[in-house]
Amino acid sequence: MDWNRLKIQALNTQFDQLMPQLRWHVGRLGTAGKIGIGLLVVATIYFFSAVLPLETDLEKLKERAEMLQLQAQSKEVPTSSDSGKRLSGDQALQVFYDFFPRVDSSPFWIRELVRIAQKQKVELSSSEYRLVNENDARLARYEMILPIRGNYAQIRAFIAEALETVPAMAISSIAIRRDNVAADKLEMRLEINLYLNK
């Protein structure tokens, strides 16, 4: 008990001795020095609160750009001379299938859905995923069951942005539950099919 009291008194004594020196050094800085130190403090706070979070967003955007570039390279882009021609049945069918993302890109699209949920502040929990790959079909179906929770506006914004961001996705079923009339949060079970090109 006495030892702790002695430590506290020693710290208070050291602090009391340092305060006049600190005031003297601050007084020597003058107005320009004080403004400079203030700007350094503000710049440090701005760096940690604004720049660092944007770096993580930038990394996510770079990953997305790389995936989109890979998808664009894997698809054949018709030249301007071909755009005026009518496509045969097989060519039109090939263009249709080329619209869908490759089957190995499913982790990217799942990450996109998680990103959109975080952006819209929707809670995702214990999702289920299953790849349905029929032998005679040219497209594979990735079935996802997403239990989500949020208010009506958040869920609606999540669904709208998800359908816009992932055009090869279709909603097959929606089940909505609310605990009581006064509850702000909705619980929704969203069944989604993501169609992928084999």
N, C-alpha and C. Protein backbone atom coordinates (compact mmCIF):
# COMPACT_ATOMS: atom_id res chain seq x y z
N MET A 1 0.83 -1.19 0.00
CA MET A 1 0.00 0.00 0.00
C MET A 1 0.87 1.25 0.00
N ASP A 2 1.86 1.30 0.92
CA ASP A 2 2.75 2.45 1.01
C ASP A 2 3.64 2.55 -0.23
N TRP A 3 4.00 1.37 -0.76
CA TRP A 3 4.87 1.35 -1.95
C TRP A 3 4.15 2.00 -3.14
N ASN A 4 2.86 1.69 -3.33
CA ASN A 4 2.07 2.30 -4.42
C ASN A 4 1.94 3.81 -4.22
N ARG A 5 1.75 4.22 -2.98
CA ARG A 5 1.62 5.65 -2.69
C ARG A 5 2.93 6.36 -3.01
N LEU A 6 4.07 5.73 -2.67
CA LEU A 6 5.38 6.33 -2.98
C LEU A 6 5.59 6.45 -4.49
N LYS A 7 5.17 5.41 -5.24
CA LYS A 7 5.31 5.46 -6.70
C LYS A 7 4.49 6.60 -7.29
N ILE A 8 3.26 6.75 -6.81
CA ILE A 8 2.39 7.82 -7.31
C ILE A 8 2.98 9.19 -6.98
N GLN A 9 3.52 9.33 -5.76
CA GLN A 9 4.13 10.61 -5.38
C GLN A 9 5.35 10.91 -6.24
N ALA A 10 6.16 9.86 -6.53
CA ALA A 10 7.35 10.05 -7.37
C ALA A 10 6.95 10.49 -8.77
N LEU A 11 5.90 9.87 -9.31
CA LEU A 11 5.44 10.25 -10.64
C LEU A 11 4.90 11.68 -10.65
N ASN A 12 4.16 12.05 -9.62
CA ASN A 12 3.64 13.43 -9.52
C ASN A 12 4.79 14.43 -9.43
N THR A 13 5.84 14.09 -8.68
CA THR A 13 7.00 14.98 -8.55
C THR A 13 7.69 15.15 -9.90
N GLN A 14 7.88 14.04 -10.62
CA GLN A 14 8.52 14.13 -11.94
C GLN A 14 7.67 14.96 -12.89
N PHE A 15 6.36 14.77 -12.84
CA PHE A 15 5.47 15.52 -13.71
C PHE A 15 5.54 17.02 -13.38
N ASP A 16 5.55 17.34 -12.08
CA ASP A 16 5.64 18.74 -11.68
C ASP A 16 6.96 19.37 -12.12
N GLN A 17 8.04 18.58 -12.16
CA GLN A 17 9.34 19.10 -12.61
C GLN A 17 9.36 19.29 -14.12
N LEU A 18 8.66 18.41 -14.85
CA LEU A 18 8.68 18.50 -16.31
C LEU A 18 7.79 19.60 -16.85
N MET A 19 6.72 19.94 -16.16
CA MET A 19 5.78 20.94 -16.65
C MET A 19 6.41 22.29 -16.93
N PRO A 20 7.25 22.85 -16.03
CA PRO A 20 7.87 24.15 -16.35
C PRO A 20 8.77 24.05 -17.60
N GLN A 21 9.51 22.94 -17.74
CA GLN A 21 10.36 22.77 -18.92
C GLN A 21 9.51 22.69 -20.19
N LEU A 22 8.41 21.98 -20.10
CA LEU A 22 7.54 21.85 -21.26
C LEU A 22 6.94 23.20 -21.64
N ARG A 23 6.50 23.98 -20.63
CA ARG A 23 5.97 25.32 -20.92
C ARG A 23 7.03 26.21 -21.54
N TRP A 24 8.26 26.09 -21.06
CA TRP A 24 9.36 26.90 -21.58
C TRP A 24 9.63 26.54 -23.05
N HIS A 25 9.65 25.21 -23.38
CA HIS A 25 9.88 24.79 -24.76
C HIS A 25 8.74 25.23 -25.68
N VAL A 26 7.50 25.13 -25.19
CA VAL A 26 6.36 25.57 -26.00
C VAL A 26 6.42 27.07 -26.22
N GLY A 27 6.83 27.82 -25.19
CA GLY A 27 6.97 29.27 -25.33
C GLY A 27 8.04 29.65 -26.34
N ARG A 28 9.11 28.87 -26.43
CA ARG A 28 10.18 29.13 -27.39
C ARG A 28 9.74 28.90 -28.83
N LEU A 29 8.72 28.03 -29.03
CA LEU A 29 8.29 27.72 -30.40
C LEU A 29 7.71 28.95 -31.11
N GLY A 30 7.03 29.77 -30.39
CA GLY A 30 6.39 30.92 -31.01
C GLY A 30 5.11 30.50 -31.72
N THR A 31 4.50 31.46 -32.36
CA THR A 31 3.22 31.19 -33.03
C THR A 31 3.38 30.21 -34.18
N ALA A 32 4.40 30.40 -35.00
CA ALA A 32 4.60 29.52 -36.17
C ALA A 32 4.87 28.09 -35.74
N GLY A 33 5.65 27.90 -34.70
CA GLY A 33 5.95 26.56 -34.21
C GLY A 33 4.71 25.87 -33.66
N LYS A 34 3.89 26.64 -32.91
CA LYS A 34 2.66 26.05 -32.38
C LYS A 34 1.71 25.64 -33.51
N ILE A 35 1.62 26.49 -34.54
CA ILE A 35 0.78 26.14 -35.69
C ILE A 35 1.33 24.89 -36.38
N GLY A 36 2.64 24.81 -36.51
CA GLY A 36 3.26 23.64 -37.14
C GLY A 36 2.98 22.36 -36.38
N ILE A 37 3.10 22.39 -35.06
CA ILE A 37 2.80 21.20 -34.25
C ILE A 37 1.32 20.85 -34.35
N GLY A 38 0.47 21.86 -34.35
CA GLY A 38 -0.97 21.60 -34.52
C GLY A 38 -1.27 20.93 -35.85
N LEU A 39 -0.61 21.41 -36.92
CA LEU A 39 -0.81 20.81 -38.23
C LEU A 39 -0.31 19.37 -38.27
N LEU A 40 0.81 19.10 -37.59
CA LEU A 40 1.31 17.73 -37.53
C LEU A 40 0.33 16.81 -36.83
N VAL A 41 -0.25 17.29 -35.73
CA VAL A 41 -1.23 16.48 -34.99
C VAL A 41 -2.46 16.22 -35.87
N VAL A 42 -2.95 17.27 -36.55
CA VAL A 42 -4.13 17.12 -37.41
C VAL A 42 -3.83 16.16 -38.56
N ALA A 43 -2.62 16.28 -39.16
CA ALA A 43 -2.25 15.40 -40.27
C ALA A 43 -2.17 13.94 -39.81
N THR A 44 -1.66 13.72 -38.61
CA THR A 44 -1.57 12.35 -38.08
C THR A 44 -2.97 11.77 -37.86
N ILE A 45 -3.85 12.55 -37.28
CA ILE A 45 -5.23 12.10 -37.05
C ILE A 45 -5.91 11.81 -38.38
N TYR A 46 -5.73 12.70 -39.36
CA TYR A 46 -6.34 12.51 -40.69
C TYR A 46 -5.81 11.25 -41.35
N PHE A 47 -4.51 10.98 -41.21
CA PHE A 47 -3.91 9.79 -41.83
C PHE A 47 -4.55 8.52 -41.28
N PHE A 48 -4.67 8.44 -39.94
CA PHE A 48 -5.20 7.22 -39.34
C PHE A 48 -6.71 7.09 -39.50
N SER A 49 -7.44 8.22 -39.60
CA SER A 49 -8.89 8.11 -39.70
C SER A 49 -9.41 8.08 -41.13
N ALA A 50 -8.65 8.63 -42.09
CA ALA A 50 -9.17 8.70 -43.47
C ALA A 50 -8.32 7.93 -44.48
N VAL A 51 -7.00 8.05 -44.41
CA VAL A 51 -6.15 7.46 -45.44
C VAL A 51 -6.04 5.94 -45.28
N LEU A 52 -5.78 5.45 -44.08
CA LEU A 52 -5.62 4.01 -43.88
C LEU A 52 -6.88 3.21 -44.25
N PRO A 53 -8.10 3.64 -43.83
CA PRO A 53 -9.29 2.89 -44.26
C PRO A 53 -9.47 2.87 -45.78
N LEU A 54 -9.09 3.96 -46.45
CA LEU A 54 -9.22 3.99 -47.91
C LEU A 54 -8.23 3.05 -48.59
N GLU A 55 -7.09 2.77 -47.94
CA GLU A 55 -6.14 1.84 -48.53
C GLU A 55 -6.72 0.44 -48.60
N THR A 56 -7.50 0.03 -47.59
CA THR A 56 -8.13 -1.29 -47.65
C THR A 56 -9.18 -1.34 -48.75
N ASP A 57 -9.94 -0.24 -48.91
CA ASP A 57 -10.91 -0.18 -50.00
C ASP A 57 -10.21 -0.25 -51.35
N LEU A 58 -9.07 0.41 -51.46
CA LEU A 58 -8.30 0.39 -52.70
C LEU A 58 -7.83 -1.01 -53.04
N GLU A 59 -7.39 -1.77 -52.04
CA GLU A 59 -6.96 -3.15 -52.27
C GLU A 59 -8.12 -3.99 -52.78
N LYS A 60 -9.31 -3.82 -52.21
CA LYS A 60 -10.48 -4.57 -52.66
C LYS A 60 -10.82 -4.21 -54.10
N LEU A 61 -10.74 -2.91 -54.42
CA LEU A 61 -11.03 -2.49 -55.80
C LEU A 61 -10.00 -3.03 -56.77
N LYS A 62 -8.73 -3.11 -56.36
CA LYS A 62 -7.71 -3.70 -57.23
C LYS A 62 -7.99 -5.17 -57.50
N GLU A 63 -8.40 -5.91 -56.46
CA GLU A 63 -8.75 -7.32 -56.64
C GLU A 63 -9.92 -7.46 -57.61
N ARG A 64 -10.91 -6.60 -57.44
CA ARG A 64 -12.07 -6.66 -58.33
C ARG A 64 -11.68 -6.33 -59.76
N ALA A 65 -10.82 -5.33 -59.94
CA ALA A 65 -10.38 -4.95 -61.29
C ALA A 65 -9.60 -6.09 -61.94
N GLU A 66 -8.75 -6.77 -61.17
CA GLU A 66 -8.01 -7.90 -61.72
C GLU A 66 -8.95 -9.01 -62.17
N MET A 67 -9.96 -9.31 -61.35
CA MET A 67 -10.91 -10.36 -61.72
C MET A 67 -11.68 -9.98 -62.97
N LEU A 68 -12.11 -8.72 -63.07
CA LEU A 68 -12.84 -8.28 -64.25
C LEU A 68 -11.96 -8.30 -65.50
N GLN A 69 -10.67 -7.98 -65.33
CA GLN A 69 -9.75 -8.06 -66.46
C GLN A 69 -9.58 -9.49 -66.93
N LEU A 70 -9.48 -10.42 -65.98
CA LEU A 70 -9.36 -11.84 -66.36
C LEU A 70 -10.60 -12.30 -67.09
N GLN A 71 -11.76 -11.87 -66.63
CA GLN A 71 -12.99 -12.25 -67.31
C GLN A 71 -13.07 -11.64 -68.70
N ALA A 72 -12.64 -10.39 -68.82
CA ALA A 72 -12.68 -9.73 -70.13
C ALA A 72 -11.72 -10.40 -71.10
N GLN A 73 -10.56 -10.84 -70.62
CA GLN A 73 -9.60 -11.50 -71.50
C GLN A 73 -10.10 -12.87 -71.95
N SER A 74 -10.88 -13.53 -71.10
CA SER A 74 -11.36 -14.86 -71.46
C SER A 74 -12.50 -14.81 -72.47
N LYS A 75 -13.14 -13.67 -72.62
CA LYS A 75 -14.24 -13.53 -73.55
C LYS A 75 -13.73 -12.95 -74.87
N GLU A 76 -14.34 -13.36 -75.95
CA GLU A 76 -13.98 -12.80 -77.25
C GLU A 76 -14.79 -11.54 -77.47
N VAL A 77 -14.11 -10.45 -77.81
CA VAL A 77 -14.78 -9.19 -78.07
C VAL A 77 -14.96 -9.05 -79.57
N PRO A 78 -16.19 -8.90 -80.06
CA PRO A 78 -16.37 -8.76 -81.51
C PRO A 78 -15.79 -7.45 -82.00
N THR A 79 -15.22 -7.46 -83.17
CA THR A 79 -14.64 -6.25 -83.76
C THR A 79 -15.76 -5.38 -84.30
N SER A 80 -15.42 -4.14 -84.68
CA SER A 80 -16.44 -3.21 -85.16
C SER A 80 -17.02 -3.68 -86.48
N SER A 81 -16.24 -4.42 -87.29
CA SER A 81 -16.76 -4.91 -88.56
C SER A 81 -17.78 -6.03 -88.34
N ASP A 82 -17.63 -6.78 -87.24
CA ASP A 82 -18.56 -7.87 -86.94
C ASP A 82 -19.86 -7.36 -86.33
N SER A 83 -19.86 -6.14 -85.80
CA SER A 83 -21.03 -5.66 -85.08
C SER A 83 -22.22 -5.44 -86.00
N GLY A 84 -21.97 -5.17 -87.29
CA GLY A 84 -23.07 -4.94 -88.22
C GLY A 84 -23.64 -6.23 -88.78
N LYS A 85 -22.96 -7.35 -88.63
CA LYS A 85 -23.42 -8.62 -89.17
C LYS A 85 -24.45 -9.26 -88.25
N ARG A 86 -25.32 -10.06 -88.87
CA ARG A 86 -26.25 -10.87 -88.08
C ARG A 86 -25.52 -12.12 -87.65
N LEU A 87 -25.76 -12.52 -86.43
CA LEU A 87 -25.12 -13.72 -85.90
C LEU A 87 -25.96 -14.94 -86.25
N SER A 88 -25.26 -16.02 -86.53
CA SER A 88 -25.98 -17.28 -86.74
C SER A 88 -26.48 -17.79 -85.39
N GLY A 89 -27.28 -18.84 -85.42
CA GLY A 89 -27.83 -19.38 -84.18
C GLY A 89 -26.75 -19.82 -83.21
N ASP A 90 -25.72 -20.53 -83.72
CA ASP A 90 -24.64 -21.00 -82.85
C ASP A 90 -23.83 -19.84 -82.30
N GLN A 91 -23.58 -18.82 -83.14
CA GLN A 91 -22.82 -17.66 -82.68
C GLN A 91 -23.58 -16.89 -81.60
N ALA A 92 -24.87 -16.71 -81.82
CA ALA A 92 -25.70 -16.00 -80.83
C ALA A 92 -25.74 -16.78 -79.52
N LEU A 93 -25.83 -18.09 -79.63
CA LEU A 93 -25.82 -18.92 -78.43
C LEU A 93 -24.50 -18.82 -77.69
N GLN A 94 -23.39 -18.77 -78.45
CA GLN A 94 -22.07 -18.63 -77.83
C GLN A 94 -21.92 -17.27 -77.13
N VAL A 95 -22.43 -16.22 -77.78
CA VAL A 95 -22.40 -14.89 -77.15
C VAL A 95 -23.21 -14.90 -75.86
N PHE A 96 -24.36 -15.59 -75.87
CA PHE A 96 -25.19 -15.70 -74.68
C PHE A 96 -24.42 -16.38 -73.55
N TYR A 97 -23.78 -17.51 -73.83
CA TYR A 97 -23.05 -18.24 -72.79
C TYR A 97 -21.82 -17.46 -72.32
N ASP A 98 -21.21 -16.69 -73.21
CA ASP A 98 -20.04 -15.91 -72.82
C ASP A 98 -20.39 -14.78 -71.85
N PHE A 99 -21.68 -14.42 -71.79
CA PHE A 99 -22.11 -13.38 -70.85
C PHE A 99 -21.88 -13.83 -69.40
N PHE A 100 -22.02 -15.11 -69.14
CA PHE A 100 -21.95 -15.62 -67.77
C PHE A 100 -20.50 -15.75 -67.31
N PRO A 101 -20.24 -15.47 -66.03
CA PRO A 101 -18.86 -15.59 -65.51
C PRO A 101 -18.43 -17.06 -65.46
N ARG A 102 -17.13 -17.24 -65.47
CA ARG A 102 -16.57 -18.60 -65.42
C ARG A 102 -16.88 -19.25 -64.07
N VAL A 103 -16.93 -20.57 -64.07
CA VAL A 103 -17.31 -21.31 -62.87
C VAL A 103 -16.27 -21.14 -61.75
N ASP A 104 -15.01 -20.88 -62.10
CA ASP A 104 -13.98 -20.72 -61.08
C ASP A 104 -13.98 -19.33 -60.44
N SER A 105 -14.89 -18.45 -60.90
CA SER A 105 -14.93 -17.09 -60.33
C SER A 105 -15.93 -16.98 -59.18
N SER A 106 -16.52 -18.08 -58.74
CA SER A 106 -17.55 -18.02 -57.69
C SER A 106 -17.04 -17.40 -56.37
N PRO A 107 -15.78 -17.67 -55.93
CA PRO A 107 -15.34 -17.01 -54.68
C PRO A 107 -15.36 -15.48 -54.78
N PHE A 108 -15.05 -14.97 -55.97
CA PHE A 108 -15.07 -13.51 -56.15
C PHE A 108 -16.48 -12.97 -55.95
N TRP A 109 -17.48 -13.63 -56.53
CA TRP A 109 -18.86 -13.13 -56.43
C TRP A 109 -19.39 -13.26 -55.02
N ILE A 110 -18.97 -14.29 -54.30
CA ILE A 110 -19.38 -14.42 -52.89
C ILE A 110 -18.78 -13.27 -52.08
N ARG A 111 -17.49 -12.95 -52.35
CA ARG A 111 -16.86 -11.82 -51.66
C ARG A 111 -17.59 -10.52 -51.97
N GLU A 112 -18.06 -10.38 -53.21
CA GLU A 112 -18.81 -9.18 -53.60
C GLU A 112 -20.11 -9.08 -52.79
N LEU A 113 -20.81 -10.19 -52.62
CA LEU A 113 -22.05 -10.16 -51.83
C LEU A 113 -21.77 -9.79 -50.38
N VAL A 114 -20.68 -10.32 -49.82
CA VAL A 114 -20.30 -9.97 -48.44
C VAL A 114 -19.94 -8.50 -48.34
N ARG A 115 -19.22 -7.99 -49.36
CA ARG A 115 -18.85 -6.57 -49.37
C ARG A 115 -20.09 -5.69 -49.43
N ILE A 116 -21.05 -6.05 -50.27
CA ILE A 116 -22.28 -5.26 -50.40
C ILE A 116 -23.07 -5.31 -49.08
N ALA A 117 -23.11 -6.47 -48.45
CA ALA A 117 -23.82 -6.58 -47.16
C ALA A 117 -23.18 -5.68 -46.11
N GLN A 118 -21.85 -5.64 -46.08
CA GLN A 118 -21.17 -4.77 -45.12
C GLN A 118 -21.43 -3.31 -45.45
N LYS A 119 -21.43 -2.97 -46.73
CA LYS A 119 -21.67 -1.58 -47.14
C LYS A 119 -23.08 -1.13 -46.76
N GLN A 120 -24.06 -2.00 -46.93
CA GLN A 120 -25.45 -1.65 -46.63
C GLN A 120 -25.82 -1.92 -45.17
N LYS A 121 -24.83 -2.37 -44.36
CA LYS A 121 -25.02 -2.64 -42.93
C LYS A 121 -26.10 -3.71 -42.70
N VAL A 122 -26.05 -4.75 -43.53
CA VAL A 122 -26.95 -5.90 -43.39
C VAL A 122 -26.15 -7.02 -42.73
N GLU A 123 -26.74 -7.70 -41.76
CA GLU A 123 -26.05 -8.79 -41.07
C GLU A 123 -26.26 -10.10 -41.84
N LEU A 124 -25.16 -10.73 -42.24
CA LEU A 124 -25.19 -12.04 -42.89
C LEU A 124 -24.76 -13.08 -41.87
N SER A 125 -25.48 -14.22 -41.82
CA SER A 125 -25.06 -15.24 -40.87
C SER A 125 -25.29 -16.62 -41.46
N SER A 126 -24.35 -17.51 -41.20
CA SER A 126 -24.40 -18.95 -41.55
C SER A 126 -25.01 -19.21 -42.92
N SER A 127 -24.35 -18.72 -43.95
CA SER A 127 -24.83 -18.92 -45.31
C SER A 127 -24.53 -20.35 -45.76
N GLU A 128 -25.34 -20.83 -46.69
CA GLU A 128 -25.14 -22.16 -47.26
C GLU A 128 -24.89 -22.02 -48.76
N TYR A 129 -23.95 -22.82 -49.28
CA TYR A 129 -23.58 -22.76 -50.69
C TYR A 129 -23.56 -24.18 -51.25
N ARG A 130 -24.02 -24.32 -52.51
CA ARG A 130 -24.01 -25.63 -53.15
C ARG A 130 -23.90 -25.44 -54.65
N LEU A 131 -22.96 -26.14 -55.26
CA LEU A 131 -22.78 -26.09 -56.71
C LEU A 131 -23.55 -27.23 -57.35
N VAL A 132 -24.48 -26.88 -58.23
CA VAL A 132 -25.27 -27.88 -58.95
C VAL A 132 -24.74 -27.91 -60.38
N ASN A 133 -24.17 -29.04 -60.76
CA ASN A 133 -23.50 -29.15 -62.05
C ASN A 133 -24.12 -30.32 -62.82
N GLU A 134 -25.07 -30.03 -63.68
CA GLU A 134 -25.73 -31.07 -64.46
C GLU A 134 -24.90 -31.36 -65.70
N ASN A 135 -24.81 -32.63 -66.05
CA ASN A 135 -23.92 -33.06 -67.14
C ASN A 135 -24.29 -32.48 -68.49
N ASP A 136 -25.58 -32.43 -68.82
CA ASP A 136 -25.98 -32.00 -70.16
C ASP A 136 -26.17 -30.49 -70.28
N ALA A 137 -26.01 -29.74 -69.21
CA ALA A 137 -26.21 -28.29 -69.24
C ALA A 137 -24.88 -27.57 -69.45
N ARG A 138 -24.94 -26.46 -70.18
CA ARG A 138 -23.73 -25.66 -70.40
C ARG A 138 -23.45 -24.71 -69.24
N LEU A 139 -24.45 -24.48 -68.40
CA LEU A 139 -24.28 -23.59 -67.25
C LEU A 139 -24.35 -24.38 -65.95
N ALA A 140 -23.53 -23.99 -65.01
CA ALA A 140 -23.61 -24.55 -63.66
C ALA A 140 -24.40 -23.57 -62.80
N ARG A 141 -25.08 -24.09 -61.80
CA ARG A 141 -25.88 -23.24 -60.91
C ARG A 141 -25.29 -23.32 -59.52
N TYR A 142 -24.94 -22.15 -58.98
CA TYR A 142 -24.40 -22.06 -57.63
C TYR A 142 -25.53 -21.57 -56.74
N GLU A 143 -26.07 -22.47 -55.92
CA GLU A 143 -27.19 -22.12 -55.06
C GLU A 143 -26.67 -21.59 -53.73
N MET A 144 -27.21 -20.45 -53.33
CA MET A 144 -26.81 -19.82 -52.07
C MET A 144 -28.05 -19.52 -51.24
N ILE A 145 -27.98 -19.84 -49.98
CA ILE A 145 -29.03 -19.47 -49.03
C ILE A 145 -28.41 -18.48 -48.05
N LEU A 146 -28.91 -17.26 -48.07
CA LEU A 146 -28.35 -16.18 -47.25
C LEU A 146 -29.37 -15.74 -46.21
N PRO A 147 -29.19 -16.10 -44.95
CA PRO A 147 -30.03 -15.53 -43.90
C PRO A 147 -29.50 -14.12 -43.57
N ILE A 148 -30.30 -13.11 -43.79
CA ILE A 148 -29.86 -11.74 -43.55
C ILE A 148 -30.81 -11.06 -42.57
N ARG A 149 -30.28 -10.01 -41.94
CA ARG A 149 -31.04 -9.28 -40.92
C ARG A 149 -30.72 -7.80 -41.07
N GLY A 150 -31.76 -6.98 -41.02
CA GLY A 150 -31.59 -5.54 -41.12
C GLY A 150 -32.96 -4.88 -41.23
N ASN A 151 -32.97 -3.56 -41.32
CA ASN A 151 -34.26 -2.91 -41.51
C ASN A 151 -34.63 -2.96 -43.00
N TYR A 152 -35.85 -2.56 -43.30
CA TYR A 152 -36.37 -2.71 -44.66
C TYR A 152 -35.50 -1.98 -45.69
N ALA A 153 -35.12 -0.75 -45.38
CA ALA A 153 -34.33 0.04 -46.34
C ALA A 153 -32.97 -0.60 -46.60
N GLN A 154 -32.33 -1.12 -45.56
CA GLN A 154 -31.02 -1.77 -45.73
C GLN A 154 -31.13 -3.02 -46.59
N ILE A 155 -32.15 -3.84 -46.32
CA ILE A 155 -32.31 -5.08 -47.08
C ILE A 155 -32.65 -4.77 -48.54
N ARG A 156 -33.51 -3.81 -48.75
CA ARG A 156 -33.88 -3.43 -50.12
C ARG A 156 -32.66 -2.91 -50.88
N ALA A 157 -31.84 -2.07 -50.23
CA ALA A 157 -30.62 -1.56 -50.87
C ALA A 157 -29.64 -2.69 -51.15
N PHE A 158 -29.52 -3.65 -50.23
CA PHE A 158 -28.64 -4.79 -50.45
C PHE A 158 -29.06 -5.59 -51.67
N ILE A 159 -30.35 -5.91 -51.78
CA ILE A 159 -30.84 -6.69 -52.92
C ILE A 159 -30.64 -5.94 -54.23
N ALA A 160 -30.95 -4.64 -54.24
CA ALA A 160 -30.82 -3.85 -55.47
C ALA A 160 -29.36 -3.80 -55.93
N GLU A 161 -28.45 -3.52 -55.00
CA GLU A 161 -27.04 -3.43 -55.39
C GLU A 161 -26.47 -4.78 -55.77
N ALA A 162 -26.91 -5.85 -55.09
CA ALA A 162 -26.41 -7.19 -55.43
C ALA A 162 -26.84 -7.58 -56.83
N LEU A 163 -28.09 -7.31 -57.21
CA LEU A 163 -28.56 -7.65 -58.55
C LEU A 163 -27.87 -6.81 -59.62
N GLU A 164 -27.52 -5.58 -59.28
CA GLU A 164 -26.82 -4.72 -60.25
C GLU A 164 -25.36 -5.15 -60.40
N THR A 165 -24.71 -5.50 -59.29
CA THR A 165 -23.30 -5.86 -59.32
C THR A 165 -23.06 -7.24 -59.91
N VAL A 166 -23.97 -8.16 -59.64
CA VAL A 166 -23.81 -9.55 -60.10
C VAL A 166 -24.95 -9.85 -61.08
N PRO A 167 -24.79 -9.49 -62.35
CA PRO A 167 -25.91 -9.63 -63.30
C PRO A 167 -26.30 -11.08 -63.60
N ALA A 168 -25.41 -12.04 -63.33
CA ALA A 168 -25.71 -13.45 -63.60
C ALA A 168 -26.39 -14.10 -62.40
N MET A 169 -26.91 -13.31 -61.49
CA MET A 169 -27.54 -13.82 -60.28
C MET A 169 -29.05 -13.65 -60.38
N ALA A 170 -29.78 -14.61 -59.86
CA ALA A 170 -31.24 -14.53 -59.82
C ALA A 170 -31.73 -14.93 -58.43
N ILE A 171 -32.74 -14.22 -57.96
CA ILE A 171 -33.33 -14.55 -56.66
C ILE A 171 -34.44 -15.56 -56.91
N SER A 172 -34.35 -16.72 -56.28
CA SER A 172 -35.35 -17.76 -56.50
C SER A 172 -36.41 -17.79 -55.39
N SER A 173 -36.07 -17.30 -54.20
CA SER A 173 -37.04 -17.34 -53.11
C SER A 173 -36.68 -16.32 -52.04
N ILE A 174 -37.72 -15.71 -51.47
CA ILE A 174 -37.54 -14.77 -50.37
C ILE A 174 -38.55 -15.13 -49.28
N ALA A 175 -38.07 -15.27 -48.06
CA ALA A 175 -38.96 -15.48 -46.91
C ALA A 175 -38.63 -14.42 -45.87
N ILE A 176 -39.63 -13.64 -45.47
CA ILE A 176 -39.42 -12.53 -44.54
C ILE A 176 -40.14 -12.84 -43.23
N ARG A 177 -39.45 -12.52 -42.13
CA ARG A 177 -40.04 -12.71 -40.81
C ARG A 177 -39.72 -11.51 -39.93
N ARG A 178 -40.71 -11.10 -39.18
CA ARG A 178 -40.54 -10.01 -38.21
C ARG A 178 -41.08 -10.52 -36.88
N ASP A 179 -40.32 -10.29 -35.79
CA ASP A 179 -40.73 -10.81 -34.48
C ASP A 179 -42.07 -10.26 -34.02
N ASN A 180 -42.24 -8.93 -34.16
CA ASN A 180 -43.52 -8.32 -33.83
C ASN A 180 -43.68 -7.05 -34.67
N VAL A 181 -44.83 -6.45 -34.60
CA VAL A 181 -45.14 -5.30 -35.46
C VAL A 181 -44.22 -4.12 -35.17
N ALA A 182 -43.83 -3.95 -33.92
CA ALA A 182 -43.01 -2.80 -33.54
C ALA A 182 -41.53 -3.00 -33.84
N ALA A 183 -41.11 -4.23 -34.17
CA ALA A 183 -39.68 -4.52 -34.38
C ALA A 183 -39.19 -3.80 -35.63
N ASP A 184 -38.02 -3.19 -35.51
CA ASP A 184 -37.43 -2.46 -36.63
C ASP A 184 -36.69 -3.40 -37.57
N LYS A 185 -36.12 -4.46 -37.03
CA LYS A 185 -35.31 -5.39 -37.82
C LYS A 185 -36.17 -6.50 -38.43
N LEU A 186 -35.84 -6.84 -39.65
CA LEU A 186 -36.47 -7.96 -40.34
C LEU A 186 -35.46 -9.09 -40.46
N GLU A 187 -35.95 -10.31 -40.43
CA GLU A 187 -35.11 -11.46 -40.72
C GLU A 187 -35.58 -12.02 -42.05
N MET A 188 -34.63 -12.22 -42.96
CA MET A 188 -34.99 -12.68 -44.29
C MET A 188 -34.13 -13.86 -44.68
N ARG A 189 -34.75 -14.82 -45.32
CA ARG A 189 -34.02 -15.95 -45.89
C ARG A 189 -34.08 -15.76 -47.40
N LEU A 190 -32.94 -15.51 -47.97
CA LEU A 190 -32.83 -15.18 -49.39
C LEU A 190 -32.16 -16.34 -50.11
N GLU A 191 -32.86 -16.93 -51.07
CA GLU A 191 -32.29 -18.01 -51.88
C GLU A 191 -31.90 -17.44 -53.23
N ILE A 192 -30.63 -17.60 -53.56
CA ILE A 192 -30.06 -16.99 -54.76
C ILE A 192 -29.44 -18.08 -55.63
N ASN A 193 -29.59 -17.95 -56.94
CA ASN A 193 -28.89 -18.80 -57.89
C ASN A 193 -27.92 -17.94 -58.68
N LEU A 194 -26.67 -18.35 -58.70
CA LEU A 194 -25.65 -17.68 -59.51
C LEU A 194 -25.31 -18.63 -60.65
N TYR A 195 -25.54 -18.18 -61.88
CA TYR A 195 -25.33 -19.02 -63.05
C TYR A 195 -23.92 -18.79 -63.59
N LEU A 196 -23.20 -19.88 -63.78
CA LEU A 196 -21.78 -19.81 -64.15
C LEU A 196 -21.53 -20.64 -65.41
N ASN A 197 -20.65 -20.12 -66.23
CA ASN A 197 -20.30 -20.79 -67.49
C ASN A 197 -19.24 -21.85 -67.24
N LYS A 198 -19.51 -23.07 -67.68
CA LYS A 198 -18.53 -24.15 -67.50
C LYS A 198 -17.41 -23.96 -68.50
